[in-house]
Protein backbone atom coordinates (compact mmCIF):
# COMPACT_ATOMS: atom_id res chain seq x y z
CA UNK A 1 -13.28 -11.45 -48.93
CA UNK A 2 -9.77 -12.71 -49.63
CA UNK A 3 -7.73 -14.59 -47.11
CA UNK A 4 -5.25 -11.72 -47.05
CA UNK A 5 -7.94 -9.40 -45.58
CA UNK A 6 -8.84 -11.71 -42.74
CA UNK A 7 -7.33 -10.81 -39.39
CA UNK A 8 -7.33 -12.85 -36.23
CA UNK A 9 -8.00 -11.18 -32.91
CA UNK A 10 -5.05 -10.86 -30.60
CA UNK A 11 -4.93 -13.63 -28.01
CA UNK A 12 -6.17 -12.70 -24.56
CA UNK A 13 -3.27 -12.44 -22.15
CA UNK A 14 -3.58 -14.76 -19.19
CA UNK A 15 -3.54 -13.12 -15.78
CA UNK A 16 -0.07 -13.79 -14.35
CA UNK A 17 -1.36 -13.34 -10.79
CA UNK A 18 -4.77 -15.03 -10.53
CA UNK A 19 -6.46 -14.56 -7.16
CA UNK A 20 -9.85 -14.64 -5.38
CA UNK A 21 -10.07 -18.27 -6.49
CA UNK A 22 -12.84 -20.76 -5.81
CA UNK A 23 -10.50 -23.14 -4.02
CA UNK A 24 -6.95 -23.22 -2.75
CA UNK A 25 -4.42 -23.87 -5.53
CA UNK A 26 -2.10 -26.86 -5.47
CA UNK A 27 0.92 -24.58 -5.07
CA UNK A 28 0.72 -22.10 -2.16
CA UNK A 29 2.33 -19.28 -4.14
CA UNK A 30 3.55 -18.13 -7.55
CA UNK A 31 7.00 -16.76 -8.28
CA UNK A 32 7.22 -13.03 -8.86
CA UNK A 33 7.84 -12.03 -12.51
CA UNK A 34 9.04 -8.43 -12.18
CA UNK A 35 12.35 -7.16 -10.88
CA UNK A 36 12.09 -5.45 -7.50
CA UNK A 37 14.65 -2.66 -8.02
CA UNK A 38 14.48 -1.24 -11.53
CA UNK A 39 16.30 2.11 -11.32
CA UNK A 40 19.83 1.38 -10.16
CA UNK A 41 21.08 3.42 -13.12
CA UNK A 42 19.31 6.57 -11.89
CA UNK A 43 20.93 9.10 -9.54
CA UNK A 44 19.47 9.42 -6.07
CA UNK A 45 20.10 9.27 -2.34
CA UNK A 46 19.87 5.49 -1.91
CA UNK A 47 23.19 3.67 -1.86
CA UNK A 48 23.88 0.36 -3.57
CA UNK A 49 23.80 -1.28 -0.15
CA UNK A 50 20.34 0.16 0.55
CA UNK A 51 19.06 -0.91 -2.85
CA UNK A 52 20.46 -4.40 -2.25
CA UNK A 53 18.63 -4.51 1.09
CA UNK A 54 15.37 -3.49 -0.57
CA UNK A 55 15.89 -6.04 -3.35
CA UNK A 56 16.47 -8.86 -0.89
CA UNK A 57 13.96 -8.00 1.84
CA UNK A 58 11.24 -6.01 0.06
CA UNK A 59 11.53 -3.01 2.38
CA UNK A 60 13.93 -0.39 3.71
CA UNK A 61 13.67 1.57 6.97
CA UNK A 62 15.37 4.95 7.33
CA UNK A 63 15.20 6.48 10.84
CA UNK A 64 15.23 10.26 10.99
CA UNK A 65 14.19 10.82 7.37
CA UNK A 66 12.44 14.10 8.33
CA UNK A 67 13.61 16.56 11.00
CA UNK A 68 11.41 17.25 14.06
CA UNK A 69 10.14 20.62 12.82
CA UNK A 70 8.77 19.06 9.61
CA UNK A 71 7.21 16.21 11.58
CA UNK A 72 5.47 18.78 13.81
CA UNK A 73 4.04 20.53 10.75
CA UNK A 74 2.76 17.25 9.29
CA UNK A 75 1.31 16.20 12.64
CA UNK A 76 -0.62 19.48 12.74
CA UNK A 77 -1.90 18.83 9.20
CA UNK A 78 -3.00 15.33 10.24
CA UNK A 79 -4.83 16.74 13.26
CA UNK A 80 -6.63 19.25 11.05
CA UNK A 81 -7.91 16.46 8.79
CA UNK A 82 -8.90 14.17 11.67
CA UNK A 83 -10.88 16.96 13.33
CA UNK A 84 -12.78 18.27 10.32
CA UNK A 85 -16.41 17.57 11.13
CA UNK A 86 -17.46 17.99 7.50
CA UNK A 87 -15.20 15.05 6.60
CA UNK A 88 -16.55 12.75 9.29
CA UNK A 89 -18.89 10.20 7.73
CA UNK A 90 -17.55 10.76 4.23
CA UNK A 91 -16.60 7.64 2.22
CA UNK A 92 -12.91 8.59 2.29
CA UNK A 93 -12.86 8.72 6.11
CA UNK A 94 -12.78 5.28 7.73
CA UNK A 95 -13.63 4.60 11.38
CA UNK A 96 -12.64 1.70 13.60
CA UNK A 97 -14.87 -1.39 13.19
CA UNK A 98 -16.50 -1.03 16.62
CA UNK A 99 -16.28 2.70 17.35
CA UNK A 100 -16.42 6.18 15.82
CA UNK A 101 -12.68 6.66 16.21
CA UNK A 102 -11.16 7.58 12.83
CA UNK A 103 -8.88 4.83 11.50
CA UNK A 104 -7.85 6.25 8.10
CA UNK A 105 -8.33 9.29 5.88
CA UNK A 106 -7.66 8.73 2.18
CA UNK A 107 -6.62 11.02 -0.68
CA UNK A 108 -4.75 13.27 1.74
CA UNK A 109 -2.47 14.71 -0.95
CA UNK A 110 -5.64 16.24 -2.44
CA UNK A 111 -7.10 17.27 0.93
CA UNK A 112 -4.17 19.15 2.48
CA UNK A 113 -1.36 21.19 0.96
CA UNK A 114 1.23 19.84 3.43
CA UNK A 115 0.72 16.29 2.17
CA UNK A 116 0.60 17.47 -1.44
CA UNK A 117 4.05 19.01 -1.01
CA UNK A 118 5.37 15.89 0.71
CA UNK A 119 4.18 13.63 -2.13
CA UNK A 120 6.25 15.77 -4.53
CA UNK A 121 9.30 16.20 -2.27
CA UNK A 122 12.46 15.20 -4.17
CA UNK A 123 13.87 13.59 -1.04
CA UNK A 124 11.03 11.08 -1.38
CA UNK A 125 10.44 10.93 -5.12
CA UNK A 126 14.11 10.38 -5.98
CA UNK A 127 14.13 7.31 -3.75
CA UNK A 128 10.96 6.10 -5.46
CA UNK A 129 12.48 6.58 -8.91
CA UNK A 130 15.56 4.55 -7.94
CA UNK A 131 13.26 1.65 -7.04
CA UNK A 132 10.65 1.94 -9.80
CA UNK A 133 12.99 2.97 -12.58
CA UNK A 134 10.48 5.19 -14.36
CA UNK A 135 7.95 7.98 -14.17
CA UNK A 136 5.35 7.56 -11.44
CA UNK A 137 2.14 8.96 -9.97
CA UNK A 138 0.37 8.65 -6.61
CA UNK A 139 -2.02 5.71 -6.83
CA UNK A 140 -3.18 6.14 -3.24
CA UNK A 141 -2.49 8.29 -0.18
CA UNK A 142 -3.79 8.16 3.34
CA UNK A 143 -3.10 8.83 6.97
CA UNK A 144 -3.48 5.94 9.40
CA UNK A 145 -4.21 6.66 13.03
CA UNK A 146 -4.21 4.15 15.89
CA UNK A 147 -5.41 5.83 19.08
CA UNK A 148 -3.97 4.61 22.36
CA UNK A 149 -5.62 1.42 23.66
CA UNK A 150 -8.36 1.58 20.98
CA UNK A 151 -6.55 1.24 17.64
CA UNK A 152 -7.17 -2.17 16.08
CA UNK A 153 -4.75 -4.13 13.95
CA UNK A 154 -4.58 -5.03 10.26
CA UNK A 155 -4.57 -8.65 9.07
CA UNK A 156 -1.64 -10.01 7.06
CA UNK A 157 -1.99 -9.07 3.39
CA UNK A 158 -0.20 -8.05 0.21
CA UNK A 159 -1.33 -4.64 -1.03
CA UNK A 160 -0.66 -5.71 -4.60
CA UNK A 161 -3.17 -8.57 -4.28
CA UNK A 162 -5.91 -6.02 -3.50
CA UNK A 163 -4.76 -3.46 -6.05
CA UNK A 164 -4.54 -6.15 -8.73
CA UNK A 165 -7.86 -7.79 -7.89
CA UNK A 166 -9.96 -4.69 -7.13
CA UNK A 167 -8.19 -1.71 -8.75
CA UNK A 168 -6.81 -3.38 -11.87
CA UNK A 169 -3.08 -2.79 -11.25
CA UNK A 170 -1.42 -5.01 -13.86
CA UNK A 171 2.04 -5.71 -12.44
CA UNK A 172 4.32 -5.25 -9.45
CA UNK A 173 5.67 -1.81 -10.33
CA UNK A 174 4.54 0.10 -7.22
CA UNK A 175 6.20 1.04 -3.95
CA UNK A 176 4.71 2.31 -0.69
CA UNK A 177 6.24 5.07 1.39
CA UNK A 178 5.16 5.33 5.02
CA UNK A 179 6.43 8.23 7.14
CA UNK A 180 5.69 7.72 10.81
CA UNK A 181 4.41 10.82 12.59
CA UNK A 182 4.59 9.42 16.12
CA UNK A 183 7.32 7.31 17.70
CA UNK A 184 6.86 3.64 16.80
CA UNK A 185 7.67 1.18 19.56
CA UNK A 186 6.90 -2.45 20.29
CA UNK A 187 3.61 -1.82 22.04
CA UNK A 188 1.68 0.68 19.90
CA UNK A 189 1.08 -1.58 16.93
CA UNK A 190 4.02 -0.99 14.58
CA UNK A 191 3.88 -2.39 11.08
CA UNK A 192 5.17 -5.96 10.80
CA UNK A 193 6.62 -7.26 7.55
CA UNK A 194 7.73 -10.65 6.27
CA UNK A 195 11.15 -10.04 4.67
CA UNK A 196 11.53 -11.73 1.30
CA UNK A 197 7.80 -12.36 0.90
CA UNK A 198 7.67 -9.88 -2.00
CA UNK A 199 9.31 -12.51 -4.20
CA UNK A 200 6.18 -14.69 -4.13
CA UNK A 201 2.53 -13.99 -4.92
CA UNK A 202 0.01 -15.82 -2.74
CA UNK A 203 -3.37 -16.31 -4.46
CA UNK A 204 -6.32 -15.81 -2.13
CA UNK A 205 -9.60 -17.71 -2.01
CA UNK A 206 -13.13 -16.32 -2.16
CA UNK A 207 -14.97 -14.06 -4.63
CA UNK A 208 -14.83 -10.29 -4.20
CA UNK A 209 -18.17 -8.98 -2.86
CA UNK A 210 -19.60 -5.85 -4.44
CA UNK A 211 -18.41 -2.71 -2.65
CA UNK A 212 -15.99 -4.85 -0.72
CA UNK A 213 -13.96 -1.79 0.32
CA UNK A 214 -16.67 -0.73 2.78
CA UNK A 215 -15.86 -3.79 4.89
CA UNK A 216 -12.21 -4.44 4.02
CA UNK A 217 -11.01 -0.98 5.06
CA UNK A 218 -12.28 -1.71 8.56
CA UNK A 219 -11.48 -5.44 8.79
CA UNK A 220 -10.13 -7.30 5.77
CA UNK A 221 -11.21 -10.93 5.44
CA UNK A 222 -11.30 -11.42 1.65
CA UNK A 223 -7.91 -11.08 -0.03
CA UNK A 224 -5.86 -12.36 2.89
CA UNK A 225 -3.53 -15.36 2.56
CA UNK A 226 -4.39 -18.68 4.13
CA UNK A 227 -2.88 -19.48 7.49
CA UNK A 228 -1.02 -22.41 5.92
CA UNK A 229 0.63 -20.17 3.31
CA UNK A 230 1.45 -17.53 5.92
CA UNK A 231 2.95 -20.09 8.28
CA UNK A 232 5.15 -21.48 5.50
CA UNK A 233 6.25 -17.98 4.47
CA UNK A 234 7.02 -16.93 8.05
CA UNK A 235 8.88 -20.18 8.77
CA UNK A 236 11.01 -19.44 5.72
CA UNK A 237 11.62 -15.70 6.22
CA UNK A 238 10.59 -14.66 9.76
CA UNK A 239 8.95 -11.37 10.79
CA UNK A 240 10.44 -7.91 11.16
CA UNK A 241 8.84 -4.89 12.85
CA UNK A 242 10.88 -1.72 12.29
CA UNK A 243 10.55 0.76 15.15
CA UNK A 244 11.98 4.22 15.52
CA UNK A 245 11.34 7.90 16.13
CA UNK A 246 8.76 10.08 14.44
CA UNK A 247 9.98 11.21 11.02
CA UNK A 248 11.36 7.81 10.02
CA UNK A 249 10.62 6.46 6.54
CA UNK A 250 9.59 2.92 5.63
CA UNK A 251 9.71 2.06 1.93
CA UNK A 252 8.23 -1.31 1.02
CA UNK A 253 7.41 -3.19 -2.16
CA UNK A 254 3.77 -3.46 -3.19
CA UNK A 255 3.83 -7.25 -2.73
CA UNK A 256 5.54 -7.44 0.67
CA UNK A 257 3.28 -9.19 3.17
CA UNK A 258 2.57 -6.96 6.15
CA UNK A 259 0.12 -6.42 9.00
CA UNK A 260 -0.02 -4.99 12.50
CA UNK A 261 -1.28 -5.72 15.97
CA UNK A 262 -3.67 -3.60 17.99
CA UNK A 263 -2.27 -0.64 19.90
CA UNK A 264 -1.85 -1.95 23.45
CA UNK A 265 -0.25 1.23 24.78
CA UNK A 266 -1.55 4.70 25.71
CA UNK A 267 0.58 6.20 22.91
CA UNK A 268 -1.12 6.79 19.55
CA UNK A 269 0.53 5.52 16.41
CA UNK A 270 0.12 7.45 13.18
CA UNK A 271 1.68 7.63 9.74
CA UNK A 272 1.19 9.23 6.35
CA UNK A 273 1.27 6.76 3.51
CA UNK A 274 1.82 7.22 -0.24
CA UNK A 275 1.64 4.57 -2.94
CA UNK A 276 3.71 5.42 -6.01
CA UNK A 277 2.81 3.45 -9.14
CA UNK A 278 4.77 3.53 -12.38
CA UNK A 279 2.95 5.42 -15.12
CA UNK A 280 3.22 2.55 -17.59
CA UNK A 281 1.53 0.36 -14.95
CA UNK A 282 -1.64 2.46 -14.66
CA UNK A 283 -4.70 0.50 -13.63
CA UNK A 284 -7.05 -1.19 -16.08
CA UNK A 285 -10.21 -3.17 -15.37
CA UNK A 286 -10.13 -5.13 -12.09
CA UNK A 287 -8.81 -8.65 -12.40
CA UNK A 288 -11.09 -10.15 -9.74
CA UNK A 289 -13.96 -7.74 -9.09
CA UNK A 290 -16.97 -6.57 -11.06
CA UNK A 291 -16.05 -2.91 -10.79
CA UNK A 292 -13.17 -0.75 -9.64
CA UNK A 293 -13.09 0.72 -6.18
CA UNK A 294 -13.90 4.43 -5.70
CA UNK A 295 -11.37 6.94 -6.96
CA UNK A 296 -10.30 8.02 -3.47
CA UNK A 297 -8.76 4.54 -3.16
CA UNK A 298 -7.18 4.33 -6.60
CA UNK A 299 -6.21 7.55 -8.35
CA UNK A 300 -5.40 7.90 -12.03
CA UNK A 301 -2.40 9.69 -13.55
CA UNK A 302 -2.92 13.45 -13.96
CA UNK A 303 -6.56 13.32 -12.84
CA UNK A 304 -7.60 15.56 -9.97
CA UNK A 305 -9.83 14.44 -7.12
CA UNK A 306 -12.04 16.48 -4.79
CA UNK A 307 -13.73 15.68 -1.51
CA UNK A 308 -17.17 15.62 -3.14
CA UNK A 309 -16.04 13.09 -5.81
CA UNK A 310 -16.98 9.45 -5.47
C-alpha cells in the first residue's frame, strides 16, 4: 500500500468542560467558551437592554408574561397531571425524598396538550431564538411542585454540568424557561441564582453512579460544586432570587448556578419548566457517565415520547 493511500484517524477532541473528576482541580473553574446571547440579529420581543441583562447576568425575569386566565388554565393542567393515579410511581414522576408528595413530573409537553402548546408558543420561542440564535428543540420539560411546609429545596448546581456529564450535551447552547404558576415570594422557596456565574464552568468531583438520576432527582449530591468554589462565586457575584406573581417568566442560561430553599410557608410553589437546546447541539454520548439518562429526562430532536417509554 502506497503512502498516499494511508490515512490518519482524526484526533480525538478534548472535552472542553471536564467534570466528575477524581480530585479537585487546581483552578476552581474554567472560563466559558460560548457566547451567551447568539441571536441579536433575529427579530423578537426582547429589547437590546433585556438581551444585555441576560448576557451579563445569565438570566432575565419578566413579571406578568402570561395573563391570569392562561395561568389558570395551566394550573388546571398541572393539577390533572399531579392527580393522575396511573402516573404515580412511574419513573417520570418524582416524589419528595422523605414522603409520597410529588416533587416533579417530567416530559409534560408530551403528557398534556396545554404544555405542548406552551412549548410552541411564539411568545416564548421567539425569545428563545433571540438568545440561542438558531433552530431549537425541547431537551427537557417538567413541572416542579413544592407543597406548603413540605416542599424541600434543591442544592446549588449548574444544569449544564449534569446535561454535559450525563446526557451528552456538547456545549452551552441551551436556555431554560420557567413560568411560575403560583405567586413566588420570599418564603415559599423561590429559585435563587448567582448572577454572572454562567461565565464560568465549575468542574465537580466524584464519579457518576449508574442510574444516578434515581437519587439526584430527589436530592443531588454528585454534580454539585464544592463549597469553596460556591463561596468564591457568591462573594464575587452575590445571589438574586426573583419573586413575582403567577404568570411571570424566568429565562436563564444553562450554566447559571441556581438552587432553592425549602418551602417554609403554607403557600405552594409551582412552575412549568422547558429546556430549549439548539439543534446543532443535540446530545451525543455522555461525557462523564457510562450511559445516558432515560429519554424522559433528555429528549431528542423530532423524536416522540410516550408515558410507557423508558
